[in-house]
């Protein structure tokens, strides 16, 4: 309930502002958003060692679809 109140208290004043005045904010968000997304993806790929699983896939399992049963050699992901 507290999170809803915080979200509402931030969004209500912003709804009163004309979209034309928020143009620079949206331009900034359109530049920073993809950069932050790729940075987060790169961080988590590096943190996992460059693989989707905890260990590198074996060649015989390389073409199997990724799922919780096949990922990480049978261990739950």
PDB file of N, CA and C in Angstrom:
ATOM      1  N   UNK A   1       0.818  -1.192   0.000  1.00  0.00           N
ATOM      2  CA  UNK A   1       0.000   0.000   0.000  1.00  0.00           C
ATOM      3  C   UNK A   1       0.871   1.268   0.000  1.00  0.00           C
ATOM      4  N   UNK A   2       1.986   1.191   0.696  1.00  0.00           N
ATOM      5  CA  UNK A   2       2.886   2.335   0.745  1.00  0.00           C
ATOM      6  C   UNK A   2       3.482   2.628  -0.635  1.00  0.00           C
ATOM      7  N   UNK A   3       3.848   1.580  -1.359  1.00  0.00           N
ATOM      8  CA  UNK A   3       4.405   1.766  -2.702  1.00  0.00           C
ATOM      9  C   UNK A   3       3.380   2.404  -3.635  1.00  0.00           C
ATOM     10  N   UNK A   4       2.130   2.028  -3.504  1.00  0.00           N
ATOM     11  CA  UNK A   4       1.080   2.634  -4.331  1.00  0.00           C
ATOM     12  C   UNK A   4       0.968   4.122  -4.036  1.00  0.00           C
ATOM     13  N   UNK A   5       1.015   4.488  -2.767  1.00  0.00           N
ATOM     14  CA  UNK A   5       0.919   5.898  -2.387  1.00  0.00           C
ATOM     15  C   UNK A   5       2.105   6.690  -2.917  1.00  0.00           C
ATOM     16  N   UNK A   6       3.302   6.132  -2.819  1.00  0.00           N
ATOM     17  CA  UNK A   6       4.495   6.825  -3.325  1.00  0.00           C
ATOM     18  C   UNK A   6       4.396   7.005  -4.837  1.00  0.00           C
ATOM     19  N   UNK A   7       4.009   5.946  -5.560  1.00  0.00           N
ATOM     20  CA  UNK A   7       3.856   6.038  -7.010  1.00  0.00           C
ATOM     21  C   UNK A   7       2.815   7.090  -7.378  1.00  0.00           C
ATOM     22  N   UNK A   8       1.673   7.084  -6.698  1.00  0.00           N
ATOM     23  CA  UNK A   8       0.605   8.031  -6.990  1.00  0.00           C
ATOM     24  C   UNK A   8       1.046   9.460  -6.697  1.00  0.00           C
ATOM     25  N   UNK A   9       1.771   9.672  -5.595  1.00  0.00           N
ATOM     26  CA  UNK A   9       2.192  11.027  -5.233  1.00  0.00           C
ATOM     27  C   UNK A   9       3.236  11.578  -6.205  1.00  0.00           C
ATOM     28  N   UNK A  10       3.995  10.700  -6.861  1.00  0.00           N
ATOM     29  CA  UNK A  10       4.958  11.164  -7.861  1.00  0.00           C
ATOM     30  C   UNK A  10       4.275  11.382  -9.210  1.00  0.00           C
ATOM     31  N   UNK A  11       3.346  10.508  -9.576  1.00  0.00           N
ATOM     32  CA  UNK A  11       2.718  10.583 -10.888  1.00  0.00           C
ATOM     33  C   UNK A  11       1.677  11.700 -10.993  1.00  0.00           C
ATOM     34  N   UNK A  12       0.984  12.006  -9.920  1.00  0.00           N
ATOM     35  CA  UNK A  12      -0.079  13.020  -9.988  1.00  0.00           C
ATOM     36  C   UNK A  12       0.445  14.386 -10.437  1.00  0.00           C
ATOM     37  N   UNK A  13       1.521  14.909  -9.853  1.00  0.00           N
ATOM     38  CA  UNK A  13       2.019  16.199 -10.357  1.00  0.00           C
ATOM     39  C   UNK A  13       2.529  16.120 -11.798  1.00  0.00           C
ATOM     40  N   UNK A  14       3.110  14.985 -12.178  1.00  0.00           N
ATOM     41  CA  UNK A  14       3.618  14.870 -13.544  1.00  0.00           C
ATOM     42  C   UNK A  14       2.496  14.810 -14.573  1.00  0.00           C
ATOM     43  N   UNK A  15       1.328  14.338 -14.182  1.00  0.00           N
ATOM     44  CA  UNK A  15       0.191  14.306 -15.113  1.00  0.00           C
ATOM     45  C   UNK A  15      -0.336  15.703 -15.409  1.00  0.00           C
ATOM     46  N   UNK A  16      -0.045  16.659 -14.559  1.00  0.00           N
ATOM     47  CA  UNK A  16      -0.506  18.033 -14.750  1.00  0.00           C
ATOM     48  C   UNK A  16       0.380  18.813 -15.718  1.00  0.00           C
ATOM     49  N   UNK A  17       1.583  18.302 -16.003  1.00  0.00           N
ATOM     50  CA  UNK A  17       2.528  19.002 -16.872  1.00  0.00           C
ATOM     51  C   UNK A  17       2.224  18.655 -18.325  1.00  0.00           C
ATOM     52  N   UNK A  18       2.324  19.642 -19.190  1.00  0.00           N
ATOM     53  CA  UNK A  18       2.087  19.444 -20.613  1.00  0.00           C
ATOM     54  C   UNK A  18       3.150  18.516 -21.200  1.00  0.00           C
ATOM     55  N   UNK A  19       2.768  17.583 -22.088  1.00  0.00           N
ATOM     56  CA  UNK A  19       3.758  16.699 -22.705  1.00  0.00           C
ATOM     57  C   UNK A  19       4.832  17.445 -23.499  1.00  0.00           C
ATOM     58  N   UNK A  20       4.501  18.596 -24.032  1.00  0.00           N
ATOM     59  CA  UNK A  20       5.491  19.372 -24.779  1.00  0.00           C
ATOM     60  C   UNK A  20       6.627  19.838 -23.871  1.00  0.00           C
ATOM     61  N   UNK A  21       6.320  20.091 -22.598  1.00  0.00           N
ATOM     62  CA  UNK A  21       7.349  20.521 -21.654  1.00  0.00           C
ATOM     63  C   UNK A  21       8.214  19.358 -21.193  1.00  0.00           C
ATOM     64  N   UNK A  22       7.726  18.153 -21.338  1.00  0.00           N
ATOM     65  CA  UNK A  22       8.476  16.972 -20.918  1.00  0.00           C
ATOM     66  C   UNK A  22       9.285  16.359 -22.063  1.00  0.00           C
ATOM     67  N   UNK A  23       9.385  17.054 -23.179  1.00  0.00           N
ATOM     68  CA  UNK A  23      10.068  16.524 -24.357  1.00  0.00           C
ATOM     69  C   UNK A  23      11.514  16.156 -24.063  1.00  0.00           C
ATOM     70  N   UNK A  24      12.230  17.016 -23.338  1.00  0.00           N
ATOM     71  CA  UNK A  24      13.637  16.758 -23.056  1.00  0.00           C
ATOM     72  C   UNK A  24      13.812  15.589 -22.099  1.00  0.00           C
ATOM     73  N   UNK A  25      12.869  15.394 -21.187  1.00  0.00           N
ATOM     74  CA  UNK A  25      12.921  14.243 -20.294  1.00  0.00           C
ATOM     75  C   UNK A  25      12.790  12.941 -21.089  1.00  0.00           C
ATOM     76  N   UNK A  26      11.859  12.904 -22.035  1.00  0.00           N
ATOM     77  CA  UNK A  26      11.672  11.699 -22.839  1.00  0.00           C
ATOM     78  C   UNK A  26      12.855  11.465 -23.785  1.00  0.00           C
ATOM     79  N   UNK A  27      13.463  12.526 -24.272  1.00  0.00           N
ATOM     80  CA  UNK A  27      14.661  12.383 -25.097  1.00  0.00           C
ATOM     81  C   UNK A  27      15.794  11.789 -24.265  1.00  0.00           C
ATOM     82  N   UNK A  28      15.958  12.281 -23.068  1.00  0.00           N
ATOM     83  CA  UNK A  28      16.972  11.761 -22.154  1.00  0.00           C
ATOM     84  C   UNK A  28      16.719  10.291 -21.828  1.00  0.00           C
ATOM     85  N   UNK A  29      15.461   9.949 -21.547  1.00  0.00           N
ATOM     86  CA  UNK A  29      15.111   8.563 -21.225  1.00  0.00           C
ATOM     87  C   UNK A  29      15.330   7.636 -22.417  1.00  0.00           C
ATOM     88  N   UNK A  30      15.085   8.122 -23.627  1.00  0.00           N
ATOM     89  CA  UNK A  30      15.262   7.270 -24.804  1.00  0.00           C
ATOM     90  C   UNK A  30      16.730   6.996 -25.097  1.00  0.00           C
ATOM     91  N   UNK A  31      17.620   7.833 -24.593  1.00  0.00           N
ATOM     92  CA  UNK A  31      19.050   7.600 -24.755  1.00  0.00           C
ATOM     93  C   UNK A  31      19.594   6.748 -23.612  1.00  0.00           C
ATOM     94  N   UNK A  32      19.226   7.081 -22.390  1.00  0.00           N
ATOM     95  CA  UNK A  32      19.770   6.406 -21.214  1.00  0.00           C
ATOM     96  C   UNK A  32      19.164   5.008 -21.029  1.00  0.00           C
ATOM     97  N   UNK A  33      17.902   4.814 -21.377  1.00  0.00           N
ATOM     98  CA  UNK A  33      17.242   3.529 -21.163  1.00  0.00           C
ATOM     99  C   UNK A  33      17.911   2.353 -21.851  1.00  0.00           C
ATOM    100  N   UNK A  34      18.131   2.406 -23.166  1.00  0.00           N
ATOM    101  CA  UNK A  34      18.817   1.286 -23.830  1.00  0.00           C
ATOM    102  C   UNK A  34      20.249   1.075 -23.343  1.00  0.00           C
ATOM    103  N   UNK A  35      20.951   2.164 -23.037  1.00  0.00           N
ATOM    104  CA  UNK A  35      22.317   2.022 -22.522  1.00  0.00           C
ATOM    105  C   UNK A  35      22.303   1.293 -21.185  1.00  0.00           C
ATOM    106  N   UNK A  36      21.399   1.667 -20.312  1.00  0.00           N
ATOM    107  CA  UNK A  36      21.294   1.000 -19.010  1.00  0.00           C
ATOM    108  C   UNK A  36      20.866  -0.453 -19.169  1.00  0.00           C
ATOM    109  N   UNK A  37      19.975  -0.729 -20.109  1.00  0.00           N
ATOM    110  CA  UNK A  37      19.539  -2.107 -20.340  1.00  0.00           C
ATOM    111  C   UNK A  37      20.675  -2.996 -20.810  1.00  0.00           C
ATOM    112  N   UNK A  38      21.459  -2.521 -21.780  1.00  0.00           N
ATOM    113  CA  UNK A  38      22.594  -3.305 -22.256  1.00  0.00           C
ATOM    114  C   UNK A  38      23.681  -3.421 -21.191  1.00  0.00           C
ATOM    115  N   UNK A  39      23.852  -2.380 -20.378  1.00  0.00           N
ATOM    116  CA  UNK A  39      24.843  -2.456 -19.302  1.00  0.00           C
ATOM    117  C   UNK A  39      24.443  -3.513 -18.275  1.00  0.00           C
ATOM    118  N   UNK A  40      23.171  -3.557 -17.907  1.00  0.00           N
ATOM    119  CA  UNK A  40      22.698  -4.584 -16.972  1.00  0.00           C
ATOM    120  C   UNK A  40      22.840  -5.980 -17.571  1.00  0.00           C
ATOM    121  N   UNK A  41      22.491  -6.121 -18.842  1.00  0.00           N
ATOM    122  CA  UNK A  41      22.622  -7.422 -19.486  1.00  0.00           C
ATOM    123  C   UNK A  41      24.087  -7.854 -19.512  1.00  0.00           C
ATOM    124  N   UNK A  42      24.994  -6.960 -19.846  1.00  0.00           N
ATOM    125  CA  UNK A  42      26.410  -7.281 -19.860  1.00  0.00           C
ATOM    126  C   UNK A  42      26.935  -7.650 -18.491  1.00  0.00           C
ATOM    127  N   UNK A  43      26.468  -6.950 -17.475  1.00  0.00           N
ATOM    128  CA  UNK A  43      26.885  -7.263 -16.105  1.00  0.00           C
ATOM    129  C   UNK A  43      26.466  -8.680 -15.715  1.00  0.00           C
ATOM    130  N   UNK A  44      25.219  -9.040 -16.007  1.00  0.00           N
ATOM    131  CA  UNK A  44      24.741 -10.356 -15.598  1.00  0.00           C
ATOM    132  C   UNK A  44      25.331 -11.477 -16.454  1.00  0.00           C
ATOM    133  N   UNK A  45      25.631 -11.206 -17.709  1.00  0.00           N
ATOM    134  CA  UNK A  45      26.305 -12.216 -18.530  1.00  0.00           C
ATOM    135  C   UNK A  45      27.713 -12.435 -17.997  1.00  0.00           C
ATOM    136  N   UNK A  46      28.408 -11.362 -17.662  1.00  0.00           N
ATOM    137  CA  UNK A  46      29.755 -11.511 -17.096  1.00  0.00           C
ATOM    138  C   UNK A  46      29.709 -12.188 -15.736  1.00  0.00           C
ATOM    139  N   UNK A  47      28.718 -11.849 -14.922  1.00  0.00           N
ATOM    140  CA  UNK A  47      28.593 -12.451 -13.596  1.00  0.00           C
ATOM    141  C   UNK A  47      28.340 -13.950 -13.696  1.00  0.00           C
ATOM    142  N   UNK A  48      27.629 -14.390 -14.737  1.00  0.00           N
ATOM    143  CA  UNK A  48      27.346 -15.813 -14.899  1.00  0.00           C
ATOM    144  C   UNK A  48      28.490 -16.542 -15.593  1.00  0.00           C
ATOM    145  N   UNK A  49      29.540 -15.866 -15.936  1.00  0.00           N
ATOM    146  CA  UNK A  49      30.674 -16.498 -16.595  1.00  0.00           C
ATOM    147  C   UNK A  49      30.514 -16.562 -18.104  1.00  0.00           C
ATOM    148  N   UNK A  50      29.561 -15.863 -18.652  1.00  0.00           N
ATOM    149  CA  UNK A  50      29.358 -15.845 -20.094  1.00  0.00           C
ATOM    150  C   UNK A  50      28.386 -16.896 -20.588  1.00  0.00           C
ATOM    151  N   UNK A  51      27.771 -17.635 -19.684  1.00  0.00           N
ATOM    152  CA  UNK A  51      26.832 -18.684 -20.063  1.00  0.00           C
ATOM    153  C   UNK A  51      25.488 -18.427 -19.394  1.00  0.00           C
ATOM    154  N   UNK A  52      24.438 -18.984 -19.967  1.00  0.00           N
ATOM    155  CA  UNK A  52      23.122 -18.856 -19.355  1.00  0.00           C
ATOM    156  C   UNK A  52      22.998 -19.724 -18.114  1.00  0.00           C
ATOM    157  N   UNK A  53      23.793 -20.759 -18.042  1.00  0.00           N
ATOM    158  CA  UNK A  53      23.795 -21.668 -16.900  1.00  0.00           C
ATOM    159  C   UNK A  53      25.044 -21.424 -16.065  1.00  0.00           C
ATOM    160  N   UNK A  54      25.153 -22.121 -14.952  1.00  0.00           N
ATOM    161  CA  UNK A  54      26.317 -21.965 -14.088  1.00  0.00           C
ATOM    162  C   UNK A  54      27.567 -22.586 -14.703  1.00  0.00           C
ATOM    163  N   UNK A  55      27.418 -23.546 -15.611  1.00  0.00           N
ATOM    164  CA  UNK A  55      28.562 -24.182 -16.244  1.00  0.00           C
ATOM    165  C   UNK A  55      28.363 -24.173 -17.756  1.00  0.00           C
ATOM    166  N   UNK A  56      29.459 -24.274 -18.533  1.00  0.00           N
ATOM    167  CA  UNK A  56      29.311 -24.260 -19.993  1.00  0.00           C
ATOM    168  C   UNK A  56      28.546 -25.493 -20.475  1.00  0.00           C
ATOM    169  N   UNK A  57      27.751 -25.344 -21.516  1.00  0.00           N
ATOM    170  CA  UNK A  57      26.987 -26.492 -22.017  1.00  0.00           C
ATOM    171  C   UNK A  57      27.900 -27.502 -22.707  1.00  0.00           C
ATOM    172  N   UNK A  58      27.547 -28.763 -22.600  1.00  0.00           N
ATOM    173  CA  UNK A  58      28.312 -29.791 -23.301  1.00  0.00           C
ATOM    174  C   UNK A  58      27.892 -29.801 -24.767  1.00  0.00           C
ATOM    175  N   UNK A  59      28.754 -30.233 -25.678  1.00  0.00           N
ATOM    176  CA  UNK A  59      28.421 -30.204 -27.109  1.00  0.00           C
ATOM    177  C   UNK A  59      27.191 -31.033 -27.460  1.00  0.00           C
ATOM    178  N   UNK A  60      26.935 -32.118 -26.736  1.00  0.00           N
ATOM    179  CA  UNK A  60      25.786 -32.955 -27.062  1.00  0.00           C
ATOM    180  C   UNK A  60      24.466 -32.296 -26.691  1.00  0.00           C
ATOM    181  N   UNK A  61      24.491 -31.352 -25.759  1.00  0.00           N
ATOM    182  CA  UNK A  61      23.265 -30.701 -25.314  1.00  0.00           C
ATOM    183  C   UNK A  61      23.119 -29.294 -25.895  1.00  0.00           C
ATOM    184  N   UNK A  62      24.010 -28.908 -26.784  1.00  0.00           N
ATOM    185  CA  UNK A  62      24.029 -27.535 -27.274  1.00  0.00           C
ATOM    186  C   UNK A  62      22.775 -27.184 -28.064  1.00  0.00           C
ATOM    187  N   UNK A  63      22.154 -28.141 -28.742  1.00  0.00           N
ATOM    188  CA  UNK A  63      21.003 -27.845 -29.581  1.00  0.00           C
ATOM    189  C   UNK A  63      19.675 -28.067 -28.887  1.00  0.00           C
ATOM    190  N   UNK A  64      19.676 -28.500 -27.631  1.00  0.00           N
ATOM    191  CA  UNK A  64      18.429 -28.700 -26.898  1.00  0.00           C
ATOM    192  C   UNK A  64      17.860 -27.351 -26.490  1.00  0.00           C
ATOM    193  N   UNK A  65      16.545 -27.244 -26.431  1.00  0.00           N
ATOM    194  CA  UNK A  65      15.949 -25.967 -26.012  1.00  0.00           C
ATOM    195  C   UNK A  65      16.238 -25.706 -24.532  1.00  0.00           C
ATOM    196  N   UNK A  66      16.367 -24.432 -24.185  1.00  0.00           N
ATOM    197  CA  UNK A  66      16.623 -24.080 -22.797  1.00  0.00           C
ATOM    198  C   UNK A  66      15.336 -24.175 -21.993  1.00  0.00           C
ATOM    199  N   UNK A  67      15.386 -24.893 -20.926  1.00  0.00           N
ATOM    200  CA  UNK A  67      14.272 -24.957 -19.985  1.00  0.00           C
ATOM    201  C   UNK A  67      14.841 -25.287 -18.635  1.00  0.00           C
ATOM    202  N   UNK A  68      14.014 -25.284 -17.621  1.00  0.00           N
ATOM    203  CA  UNK A  68      14.509 -25.551 -16.272  1.00  0.00           C
ATOM    204  C   UNK A  68      14.992 -26.994 -16.151  1.00  0.00           C
ATOM    205  N   UNK A  69      14.502 -27.903 -16.998  1.00  0.00           N
ATOM    206  CA  UNK A  69      14.942 -29.286 -16.922  1.00  0.00           C
ATOM    207  C   UNK A  69      16.294 -29.491 -17.598  1.00  0.00           C
ATOM    208  N   UNK A  70      16.563 -28.763 -18.693  1.00  0.00           N
ATOM    209  CA  UNK A  70      17.813 -28.974 -19.419  1.00  0.00           C
ATOM    210  C   UNK A  70      18.897 -28.000 -19.029  1.00  0.00           C
ATOM    211  N   UNK A  71      18.555 -26.884 -18.458  1.00  0.00           N
ATOM    212  CA  UNK A  71      19.546 -25.882 -18.094  1.00  0.00           C
ATOM    213  C   UNK A  71      20.370 -26.381 -16.913  1.00  0.00           C
ATOM    214  N   UNK A  72      21.620 -26.099 -16.942  1.00  0.00           N
ATOM    215  CA  UNK A  72      22.549 -26.439 -15.850  1.00  0.00           C
ATOM    216  C   UNK A  72      22.616 -27.935 -15.613  1.00  0.00           C
ATOM    217  N   UNK A  73      22.516 -28.720 -16.659  1.00  0.00           N
ATOM    218  CA  UNK A  73      22.688 -30.166 -16.604  1.00  0.00           C
ATOM    219  C   UNK A  73      21.754 -30.845 -15.608  1.00  0.00           C
ATOM    220  N   UNK A  74      20.496 -30.444 -15.642  1.00  0.00           N
ATOM    221  CA  UNK A  74      19.488 -31.125 -14.839  1.00  0.00           C
ATOM    222  C   UNK A  74      19.213 -30.485 -13.497  1.00  0.00           C
ATOM    223  N   UNK A  75      20.125 -29.600 -13.062  1.00  0.00           N
ATOM    224  CA  UNK A  75      19.880 -28.920 -11.791  1.00  0.00           C
ATOM    225  C   UNK A  75      18.873 -27.794 -12.028  1.00  0.00           C
ATOM    226  N   UNK A  76      18.043 -27.502 -11.054  1.00  0.00           N
ATOM    227  CA  UNK A  76      17.098 -26.394 -11.246  1.00  0.00           C
ATOM    228  C   UNK A  76      17.829 -25.077 -11.464  1.00  0.00           C
ATOM    229  N   UNK A  77      17.352 -24.268 -12.382  1.00  0.00           N
ATOM    230  CA  UNK A  77      18.016 -23.014 -12.713  1.00  0.00           C
ATOM    231  C   UNK A  77      17.799 -21.972 -11.645  1.00  0.00           C
TER     232      UNK A  77
END
